[in-house]
Amino acid sequence: MPAQLTAVDILGVRIHNVRMRETLEALQSFVSDRRPCIVVTPNVDFVMQAQEDADLRRILNNADLAVPDGMLLIYGSWVRGTPLRGTVGGRYVIPAFCEIAKSEGYRIFLLGSDASTVVEAQRRLVTKYPGLQIVGTHPGFFEVGEEETIAEAILAARPDVVFVGLGCPHQERWMDRWSKRLQVPVMMGVGSAIDREGGKFRPPPDWMTHVGLEWAFRLAQDPRRLWRRYFVRDIRFIPLIVADGLRALGRRLQTRN
């Protein structure tokens, strides 16, 4: 990890204040170092789950790199007075890193989505980036007893990077369990990014992403699964971050006096 990277605390979750360039540089550094590293992509939902899940919070805060995902998180950092510089997220990292990987010869494994979608994601990526080595895939729907088989497949494939798209907190727990045992240089949680690369979901218009309305686009595509996440769990982020911002402001004012 480049020493100059700083981090911001959002409701007890450490998030590195990076943009895409620093993220890609860090990933390349991790691959070169050859030690097992975990990369997480916290968004508002991660932060809210971590309020009640100490083990998830531990994994997020101990990750080698935590990149900010989503404009709502960025807005929250502004309210708190410790602004993050921009959103990164797995859906942006995969194509950007594949562009580098095809030139550098990095080997990639995709773990996530359903069986047909992860294979389609592989096909689309190697078509878009000629020379890209995707050395293995496995769907993300599996029983705990199958994890050893998945681990054996990853060991046999010898990837430099595993993109893990199991959703939070499953992908974070899986990486925490297997990172040191498999000794893959980079394991990165990417949420639904493999679904998107495989064409399962349409990406939102750029304007919705830029203003922080990507959640509304996703809700329209998958309301049965997402309504509770957005309107029961994640809505609490707003009063919590406002209260935290007011406390931070009070501390700054007190320090000045």
C-alpha atoms as a PDB file:
ATOM      1  CA  MET A   1       0.000   0.000   0.000  1.00  0.00           C
ATOM      2  CA  PRO A   2       1.442   3.386  -0.936  1.00  0.00           C
ATOM      3  CA  ALA A   3       2.271   5.150   2.325  1.00  0.00           C
ATOM      4  CA  GLN A   4       0.699   8.445   1.331  1.00  0.00           C
ATOM      5  CA  LEU A   5      -2.872   7.125   1.183  1.00  0.00           C
ATOM      6  CA  THR A   6      -5.108   8.527   3.906  1.00  0.00           C
ATOM      7  CA  ALA A   7      -8.336   7.137   5.338  1.00  0.00           C
ATOM      8  CA  VAL A   8     -11.652   8.564   6.484  1.00  0.00           C
ATOM      9  CA  ASP A   9     -13.829   7.171   9.278  1.00  0.00           C
ATOM     10  CA  ILE A  10     -17.505   6.839   8.362  1.00  0.00           C
ATOM     11  CA  LEU A  11     -19.528   5.681  11.383  1.00  0.00           C
ATOM     12  CA  GLY A  12     -16.694   3.461  12.567  1.00  0.00           C
ATOM     13  CA  VAL A  13     -15.737   2.062   9.145  1.00  0.00           C
ATOM     14  CA  ARG A  14     -12.328   3.006   7.741  1.00  0.00           C
ATOM     15  CA  ILE A  15     -12.391   3.989   4.072  1.00  0.00           C
ATOM     16  CA  HIS A  16      -9.317   4.987   2.096  1.00  0.00           C
ATOM     17  CA  ASN A  17      -9.543   8.369   0.402  1.00  0.00           C
ATOM     18  CA  VAL A  18      -8.601   7.080  -3.052  1.00  0.00           C
ATOM     19  CA  ARG A  19      -9.701   7.556  -6.606  1.00  0.00           C
ATOM     20  CA  MET A  20      -9.353   5.112  -9.472  1.00  0.00           C
ATOM     21  CA  ARG A  21      -5.697   5.834 -10.257  1.00  0.00           C
ATOM     22  CA  GLU A  22      -4.533   5.144  -6.681  1.00  0.00           C
ATOM     23  CA  THR A  23      -6.737   2.046  -6.517  1.00  0.00           C
ATOM     24  CA  LEU A  24      -5.226   0.534  -9.657  1.00  0.00           C
ATOM     25  CA  GLU A  25      -1.715   1.393  -8.496  1.00  0.00           C
ATOM     26  CA  ALA A  26      -2.393  -0.303  -5.161  1.00  0.00           C
ATOM     27  CA  LEU A  27      -3.730  -3.447  -6.871  1.00  0.00           C
ATOM     28  CA  GLN A  28      -0.647  -3.642  -9.063  1.00  0.00           C
ATOM     29  CA  SER A  29       1.554  -3.166  -6.005  1.00  0.00           C
ATOM     30  CA  PHE A  30      -0.261  -5.996  -4.207  1.00  0.00           C
ATOM     31  CA  VAL A  31       0.214  -8.330  -7.181  1.00  0.00           C
ATOM     32  CA  SER A  32       3.917  -7.486  -7.312  1.00  0.00           C
ATOM     33  CA  ASP A  33       4.385  -8.037  -3.570  1.00  0.00           C
ATOM     34  CA  ARG A  34       2.822 -11.543  -3.819  1.00  0.00           C
ATOM     35  CA  ARG A  35       1.442 -11.490  -0.280  1.00  0.00           C
ATOM     36  CA  PRO A  36      -2.289 -12.157   0.230  1.00  0.00           C
ATOM     37  CA  CYS A  37      -4.275  -8.919   0.330  1.00  0.00           C
ATOM     38  CA  ILE A  38      -7.984  -8.211   0.785  1.00  0.00           C
ATOM     39  CA  VAL A  39      -9.694  -5.289  -0.949  1.00  0.00           C
ATOM     40  CA  VAL A  40     -13.190  -4.201   0.111  1.00  0.00           C
ATOM     41  CA  THR A  41     -15.568  -1.686  -1.442  1.00  0.00           C
ATOM     42  CA  PRO A  42     -17.679  -0.181   1.356  1.00  0.00           C
ATOM     43  CA  ASN A  43     -20.918   1.566   0.428  1.00  0.00           C
ATOM     44  CA  VAL A  44     -23.703   2.862   2.663  1.00  0.00           C
ATOM     45  CA  ASP A  45     -25.149  -0.628   3.071  1.00  0.00           C
ATOM     46  CA  PHE A  46     -21.765  -2.007   4.229  1.00  0.00           C
ATOM     47  CA  VAL A  47     -21.520   0.803   6.776  1.00  0.00           C
ATOM     48  CA  MET A  48     -25.025   0.166   8.099  1.00  0.00           C
ATOM     49  CA  GLN A  49     -24.485  -3.589   8.383  1.00  0.00           C
ATOM     50  CA  ALA A  50     -21.241  -2.901  10.241  1.00  0.00           C
ATOM     51  CA  GLN A  51     -23.153  -0.919  12.888  1.00  0.00           C
ATOM     52  CA  GLU A  52     -24.629  -4.182  14.172  1.00  0.00           C
ATOM     53  CA  ASP A  53     -22.038  -6.707  12.979  1.00  0.00           C
ATOM     54  CA  ALA A  54     -18.736  -6.382  14.822  1.00  0.00           C
ATOM     55  CA  ASP A  55     -17.082  -9.165  12.827  1.00  0.00           C
ATOM     56  CA  LEU A  56     -17.917  -7.487   9.515  1.00  0.00           C
ATOM     57  CA  ARG A  57     -16.602  -4.201  10.902  1.00  0.00           C
ATOM     58  CA  ARG A  58     -13.376  -5.973  11.870  1.00  0.00           C
ATOM     59  CA  ILE A  59     -12.934  -7.381   8.364  1.00  0.00           C
ATOM     60  CA  LEU A  60     -13.615  -4.027   6.705  1.00  0.00           C
ATOM     61  CA  ASN A  61     -11.260  -2.146   9.013  1.00  0.00           C
ATOM     62  CA  ASN A  62      -8.466  -4.707   8.647  1.00  0.00           C
ATOM     63  CA  ALA A  63      -8.640  -4.846   4.844  1.00  0.00           C
ATOM     64  CA  ASP A  64      -5.494  -3.884   2.968  1.00  0.00           C
ATOM     65  CA  LEU A  65      -7.515  -1.435   0.888  1.00  0.00           C
ATOM     66  CA  ALA A  66     -11.065  -0.102   1.358  1.00  0.00           C
ATOM     67  CA  VAL A  67     -12.302   1.921  -1.607  1.00  0.00           C
ATOM     68  CA  PRO A  68     -15.409   4.141  -1.421  1.00  0.00           C
ATOM     69  CA  ASP A  69     -18.435   2.980  -3.401  1.00  0.00           C
ATOM     70  CA  GLY A  70     -21.391   5.251  -4.092  1.00  0.00           C
ATOM     71  CA  MET A  71     -22.193   8.940  -4.066  1.00  0.00           C
ATOM     72  CA  LEU A  72     -24.359   8.677  -0.931  1.00  0.00           C
ATOM     73  CA  LEU A  73     -21.229   7.662   0.939  1.00  0.00           C
ATOM     74  CA  ILE A  74     -19.372  10.620  -0.564  1.00  0.00           C
ATOM     75  CA  TYR A  75     -22.172  13.007   0.494  1.00  0.00           C
ATOM     76  CA  GLY A  76     -22.016  11.529   3.986  1.00  0.00           C
ATOM     77  CA  SER A  77     -18.285  12.206   4.183  1.00  0.00           C
ATOM     78  CA  TRP A  78     -18.953  15.835   3.242  1.00  0.00           C
ATOM     79  CA  VAL A  79     -21.535  16.148   6.013  1.00  0.00           C
ATOM     80  CA  ARG A  80     -19.008  14.777   8.466  1.00  0.00           C
ATOM     81  CA  GLY A  81     -16.395  17.319   7.344  1.00  0.00           C
ATOM     82  CA  THR A  82     -13.912  14.688   6.095  1.00  0.00           C
ATOM     83  CA  PRO A  83     -14.674  14.582   2.363  1.00  0.00           C
ATOM     84  CA  LEU A  84     -13.840  11.573   0.250  1.00  0.00           C
ATOM     85  CA  ARG A  85     -12.557  12.574  -3.181  1.00  0.00           C
ATOM     86  CA  GLY A  86     -14.741  10.280  -5.258  1.00  0.00           C
ATOM     87  CA  THR A  87     -16.404   6.921  -5.730  1.00  0.00           C
ATOM     88  CA  VAL A  88     -14.597   3.860  -7.058  1.00  0.00           C
ATOM     89  CA  GLY A  89     -16.492   0.564  -6.556  1.00  0.00           C
ATOM     90  CA  GLY A  90     -15.993  -2.898  -8.007  1.00  0.00           C
ATOM     91  CA  ARG A  91     -18.108  -2.260 -11.097  1.00  0.00           C
ATOM     92  CA  TYR A  92     -15.602   0.375 -12.206  1.00  0.00           C
ATOM     93  CA  VAL A  93     -12.471  -1.456 -11.078  1.00  0.00           C
ATOM     94  CA  ILE A  94     -13.076  -4.671 -13.042  1.00  0.00           C
ATOM     95  CA  PRO A  95     -12.946  -3.124 -16.539  1.00  0.00           C
ATOM     96  CA  ALA A  96     -10.186  -0.687 -15.593  1.00  0.00           C
ATOM     97  CA  PHE A  97      -8.044  -3.426 -14.083  1.00  0.00           C
ATOM     98  CA  CYS A  98      -8.697  -5.824 -16.975  1.00  0.00           C
ATOM     99  CA  GLU A  99      -7.216  -3.221 -19.318  1.00  0.00           C
ATOM    100  CA  ILE A 100      -4.010  -3.362 -17.259  1.00  0.00           C
ATOM    101  CA  ALA A 101      -4.134  -7.120 -16.731  1.00  0.00           C
ATOM    102  CA  LYS A 102      -4.163  -7.910 -20.444  1.00  0.00           C
ATOM    103  CA  SER A 103      -0.895  -5.991 -20.874  1.00  0.00           C
ATOM    104  CA  GLU A 104       0.794  -7.197 -17.694  1.00  0.00           C
ATOM    105  CA  GLY A 105      -0.269 -10.819 -18.035  1.00  0.00           C
ATOM    106  CA  TYR A 106      -2.145 -10.917 -14.740  1.00  0.00           C
ATOM    107  CA  ARG A 107      -4.302 -13.988 -14.191  1.00  0.00           C
ATOM    108  CA  ILE A 108      -7.906 -13.401 -13.024  1.00  0.00           C
ATOM    109  CA  PHE A 109     -10.506 -15.693 -11.425  1.00  0.00           C
ATOM    110  CA  LEU A 110     -14.204 -14.757 -11.246  1.00  0.00           C
ATOM    111  CA  LEU A 111     -16.247 -16.033  -8.277  1.00  0.00           C
ATOM    112  CA  GLY A 112     -19.853 -14.909  -8.198  1.00  0.00           C
ATOM    113  CA  SER A 113     -23.286 -14.658  -9.854  1.00  0.00           C
ATOM    114  CA  ASP A 114     -25.020 -17.724 -11.319  1.00  0.00           C
ATOM    115  CA  ALA A 115     -23.372 -20.353 -13.515  1.00  0.00           C
ATOM    116  CA  SER A 116     -24.412 -18.935 -16.886  1.00  0.00           C
ATOM    117  CA  THR A 117     -23.802 -15.282 -15.991  1.00  0.00           C
ATOM    118  CA  VAL A 118     -20.259 -15.762 -14.661  1.00  0.00           C
ATOM    119  CA  VAL A 119     -19.316 -17.664 -17.834  1.00  0.00           C
ATOM    120  CA  GLU A 120     -20.878 -14.912 -19.950  1.00  0.00           C
ATOM    121  CA  ALA A 121     -18.938 -12.323 -17.964  1.00  0.00           C
ATOM    122  CA  GLN A 122     -15.751 -14.210 -18.753  1.00  0.00           C
ATOM    123  CA  ARG A 123     -16.640 -14.368 -22.448  1.00  0.00           C
ATOM    124  CA  ARG A 124     -17.443 -10.676 -22.676  1.00  0.00           C
ATOM    125  CA  LEU A 125     -14.320  -9.592 -20.835  1.00  0.00           C
ATOM    126  CA  VAL A 126     -11.886 -11.682 -22.889  1.00  0.00           C
ATOM    127  CA  THR A 127     -13.619 -10.449 -26.043  1.00  0.00           C
ATOM    128  CA  LYS A 128     -13.377  -6.821 -24.963  1.00  0.00           C
ATOM    129  CA  TYR A 129      -9.768  -7.167 -23.752  1.00  0.00           C
ATOM    130  CA  PRO A 130      -7.933  -9.485 -26.168  1.00  0.00           C
ATOM    131  CA  GLY A 131      -5.146 -11.328 -24.422  1.00  0.00           C
ATOM    132  CA  LEU A 132      -6.812 -11.113 -21.001  1.00  0.00           C
ATOM    133  CA  GLN A 133      -6.293 -14.285 -18.960  1.00  0.00           C
ATOM    134  CA  ILE A 134      -9.392 -15.277 -17.016  1.00  0.00           C
ATOM    135  CA  VAL A 135      -8.105 -18.582 -15.736  1.00  0.00           C
ATOM    136  CA  GLY A 136     -11.227 -19.778 -13.963  1.00  0.00           C
ATOM    137  CA  THR A 137     -14.795 -19.079 -12.908  1.00  0.00           C
ATOM    138  CA  HIS A 138     -17.215 -20.414 -10.321  1.00  0.00           C
ATOM    139  CA  PRO A 139     -20.794 -19.372  -9.557  1.00  0.00           C
ATOM    140  CA  GLY A 140     -21.450 -17.610  -6.292  1.00  0.00           C
ATOM    141  CA  PHE A 141     -24.345 -19.800  -5.165  1.00  0.00           C
ATOM    142  CA  PHE A 142     -22.835 -22.671  -3.201  1.00  0.00           C
ATOM    143  CA  GLU A 143     -23.087 -24.510   0.101  1.00  0.00           C
ATOM    144  CA  VAL A 144     -20.476 -24.164   2.836  1.00  0.00           C
ATOM    145  CA  GLY A 145     -19.400 -27.746   2.153  1.00  0.00           C
ATOM    146  CA  GLU A 146     -18.396 -26.790  -1.388  1.00  0.00           C
ATOM    147  CA  GLU A 147     -15.825 -24.225  -0.308  1.00  0.00           C
ATOM    148  CA  GLU A 148     -12.962 -26.723  -0.290  1.00  0.00           C
ATOM    149  CA  THR A 149     -13.731 -27.629  -3.900  1.00  0.00           C
ATOM    150  CA  ILE A 150     -13.763 -23.955  -4.861  1.00  0.00           C
ATOM    151  CA  ALA A 151     -10.469 -23.455  -3.041  1.00  0.00           C
ATOM    152  CA  GLU A 152      -8.913 -26.352  -4.947  1.00  0.00           C
ATOM    153  CA  ALA A 153     -10.071 -24.834  -8.248  1.00  0.00           C
ATOM    154  CA  ILE A 154      -8.528 -21.485  -7.337  1.00  0.00           C
ATOM    155  CA  LEU A 155      -5.258 -23.108  -6.278  1.00  0.00           C
ATOM    156  CA  ALA A 156      -5.105 -25.034  -9.560  1.00  0.00           C
ATOM    157  CA  ALA A 157      -5.795 -21.871 -11.588  1.00  0.00           C
ATOM    158  CA  ARG A 158      -3.008 -19.872  -9.863  1.00  0.00           C
ATOM    159  CA  PRO A 159      -4.679 -16.456 -10.244  1.00  0.00           C
ATOM    160  CA  ASP A 160      -3.114 -13.146  -9.316  1.00  0.00           C
ATOM    161  CA  VAL A 161      -6.530 -11.652  -8.581  1.00  0.00           C
ATOM    162  CA  VAL A 162      -9.853 -13.172  -7.518  1.00  0.00           C
ATOM    163  CA  PHE A 163     -12.887 -10.925  -7.995  1.00  0.00           C
ATOM    164  CA  VAL A 164     -15.412 -12.125  -5.404  1.00  0.00           C
ATOM    165  CA  GLY A 165     -19.032 -11.203  -6.110  1.00  0.00           C
ATOM    166  CA  LEU A 166     -21.054 -12.805  -3.321  1.00  0.00           C
ATOM    167  CA  GLY A 167     -22.590  -9.659  -1.844  1.00  0.00           C
ATOM    168  CA  CYS A 168     -21.966  -8.197   1.592  1.00  0.00           C
ATOM    169  CA  PRO A 169     -21.281  -9.684   4.119  1.00  0.00           C
ATOM    170  CA  HIS A 170     -20.784 -13.075   2.440  1.00  0.00           C
ATOM    171  CA  GLN A 171     -17.907 -12.019   0.187  1.00  0.00           C
ATOM    172  CA  GLU A 172     -16.078 -10.304   3.051  1.00  0.00           C
ATOM    173  CA  ARG A 173     -16.395 -13.349   5.301  1.00  0.00           C
ATOM    174  CA  TRP A 174     -15.312 -15.657   2.469  1.00  0.00           C
ATOM    175  CA  MET A 175     -12.200 -13.574   1.745  1.00  0.00           C
ATOM    176  CA  ASP A 176     -11.387 -13.406   5.455  1.00  0.00           C
ATOM    177  CA  ARG A 177     -11.582 -17.210   5.710  1.00  0.00           C
ATOM    178  CA  TRP A 178      -9.607 -18.044   2.574  1.00  0.00           C
ATOM    179  CA  SER A 179      -7.174 -15.241   1.793  1.00  0.00           C
ATOM    180  CA  LYS A 180      -4.216 -16.496   3.823  1.00  0.00           C
ATOM    181  CA  ARG A 181      -4.908 -20.149   3.054  1.00  0.00           C
ATOM    182  CA  LEU A 182      -4.971 -19.620  -0.713  1.00  0.00           C
ATOM    183  CA  GLN A 183      -2.168 -17.017  -0.813  1.00  0.00           C
ATOM    184  CA  VAL A 184      -3.728 -15.200  -3.783  1.00  0.00           C
ATOM    185  CA  PRO A 185      -2.101 -11.747  -4.034  1.00  0.00           C
ATOM    186  CA  VAL A 186      -5.440  -9.947  -4.365  1.00  0.00           C
ATOM    187  CA  MET A 187      -8.958 -10.900  -3.358  1.00  0.00           C
ATOM    188  CA  MET A 188     -11.404  -8.095  -4.049  1.00  0.00           C
ATOM    189  CA  GLY A 189     -15.086  -8.006  -3.176  1.00  0.00           C
ATOM    190  CA  VAL A 190     -17.059  -6.663  -6.124  1.00  0.00           C
ATOM    191  CA  GLY A 191     -20.715  -7.206  -5.195  1.00  0.00           C
ATOM    192  CA  SER A 192     -22.952  -7.349  -8.265  1.00  0.00           C
ATOM    193  CA  ALA A 193     -20.201  -6.305 -10.693  1.00  0.00           C
ATOM    194  CA  ILE A 194     -19.917  -9.810 -12.165  1.00  0.00           C
ATOM    195  CA  ASP A 195     -23.681  -9.771 -12.790  1.00  0.00           C
ATOM    196  CA  ARG A 196     -23.245  -6.529 -14.697  1.00  0.00           C
ATOM    197  CA  GLU A 197     -20.297  -7.774 -16.722  1.00  0.00           C
ATOM    198  CA  GLY A 198     -22.361 -10.831 -17.621  1.00  0.00           C
ATOM    199  CA  GLY A 199     -25.328  -8.725 -18.757  1.00  0.00           C
ATOM    200  CA  LYS A 200     -27.704  -9.788 -15.991  1.00  0.00           C
ATOM    201  CA  PHE A 201     -28.452  -6.178 -15.021  1.00  0.00           C
ATOM    202  CA  ARG A 202     -28.420  -3.041 -17.110  1.00  0.00           C
ATOM    203  CA  PRO A 203     -26.063  -0.308 -15.857  1.00  0.00           C
ATOM    204  CA  PRO A 204     -27.716   2.969 -14.817  1.00  0.00           C
ATOM    205  CA  PRO A 205     -27.368   6.110 -16.914  1.00  0.00           C
ATOM    206  CA  ASP A 206     -24.232   8.058 -16.071  1.00  0.00           C
ATOM    207  CA  TRP A 207     -26.218  11.015 -14.746  1.00  0.00           C
ATOM    208  CA  MET A 208     -27.952   8.848 -12.144  1.00  0.00           C
ATOM    209  CA  THR A 209     -24.599   7.511 -10.940  1.00  0.00           C
ATOM    210  CA  HIS A 210     -23.075  10.990 -10.735  1.00  0.00           C
ATOM    211  CA  VAL A 211     -25.855  12.445  -8.580  1.00  0.00           C
ATOM    212  CA  GLY A 212     -26.219   9.435  -6.295  1.00  0.00           C
ATOM    213  CA  LEU A 213     -29.415   7.914  -7.695  1.00  0.00           C
ATOM    214  CA  GLU A 214     -27.960   4.603  -8.833  1.00  0.00           C
ATOM    215  CA  TRP A 215     -29.795   2.942  -5.924  1.00  0.00           C
ATOM    216  CA  ALA A 216     -33.144   4.014  -7.434  1.00  0.00           C
ATOM    217  CA  PHE A 217     -32.238   2.462 -10.787  1.00  0.00           C
ATOM    218  CA  ARG A 218     -31.232  -0.789  -9.082  1.00  0.00           C
ATOM    219  CA  LEU A 219     -34.411  -0.764  -6.978  1.00  0.00           C
ATOM    220  CA  ALA A 220     -36.524  -0.490 -10.136  1.00  0.00           C
ATOM    221  CA  GLN A 221     -34.800  -3.583 -11.571  1.00  0.00           C
ATOM    222  CA  ASP A 222     -34.950  -5.733  -8.418  1.00  0.00           C
ATOM    223  CA  PRO A 223     -37.568  -4.295  -6.002  1.00  0.00           C
ATOM    224  CA  ARG A 224     -38.392  -7.518  -4.147  1.00  0.00           C
ATOM    225  CA  ARG A 225     -34.794  -8.024  -3.044  1.00  0.00           C
ATOM    226  CA  LEU A 226     -33.740  -4.407  -2.458  1.00  0.00           C
ATOM    227  CA  TRP A 227     -36.677  -2.505  -0.945  1.00  0.00           C
ATOM    228  CA  ARG A 228     -35.963  -3.646   2.611  1.00  0.00           C
ATOM    229  CA  ARG A 229     -32.251  -2.896   2.242  1.00  0.00           C
ATOM    230  CA  TYR A 230     -32.857   0.665   1.088  1.00  0.00           C
ATOM    231  CA  PHE A 231     -35.962   1.682   3.044  1.00  0.00           C
ATOM    232  CA  VAL A 232     -35.476  -0.220   6.308  1.00  0.00           C
ATOM    233  CA  ARG A 233     -31.741  -0.574   6.867  1.00  0.00           C
ATOM    234  CA  ASP A 234     -29.904   2.016   4.783  1.00  0.00           C
ATOM    235  CA  ILE A 235     -32.293   4.932   5.387  1.00  0.00           C
ATOM    236  CA  ARG A 236     -30.909   5.116   8.935  1.00  0.00           C
ATOM    237  CA  PHE A 237     -27.578   6.277   7.503  1.00  0.00           C
ATOM    238  CA  ILE A 238     -28.959   9.807   7.039  1.00  0.00           C
ATOM    239  CA  PRO A 239     -29.752  10.674  10.689  1.00  0.00           C
ATOM    240  CA  LEU A 240     -26.658   8.833  11.926  1.00  0.00           C
ATOM    241  CA  ILE A 241     -24.246  10.656   9.625  1.00  0.00           C
ATOM    242  CA  VAL A 242     -25.903  14.021  10.307  1.00  0.00           C
ATOM    243  CA  ALA A 243     -25.560  13.453  14.062  1.00  0.00           C
ATOM    244  CA  ASP A 244     -21.953  12.359  13.609  1.00  0.00           C
ATOM    245  CA  GLY A 245     -21.279  15.427  11.469  1.00  0.00           C
ATOM    246  CA  LEU A 246     -22.694  17.711  14.161  1.00  0.00           C
ATOM    247  CA  ARG A 247     -20.510  16.054  16.807  1.00  0.00           C
ATOM    248  CA  ALA A 248     -17.450  16.450  14.573  1.00  0.00           C
ATOM    249  CA  LEU A 249     -18.322  20.111  13.993  1.00  0.00           C
ATOM    250  CA  GLY A 250     -18.678  20.648  17.740  1.00  0.00           C
ATOM    251  CA  ARG A 251     -15.253  19.107  18.358  1.00  0.00           C
ATOM    252  CA  ARG A 252     -13.668  21.342  15.723  1.00  0.00           C
ATOM    253  CA  LEU A 253     -15.270  24.449  17.198  1.00  0.00           C
ATOM    254  CA  GLN A 254     -14.193  23.431  20.684  1.00  0.00           C
ATOM    255  CA  THR A 255     -10.623  22.927  19.493  1.00  0.00           C
ATOM    256  CA  ARG A 256     -10.548  26.400  17.946  1.00  0.00           C
ATOM    257  CA  ASN A 257     -11.713  27.930  21.203  1.00  0.00           C
END
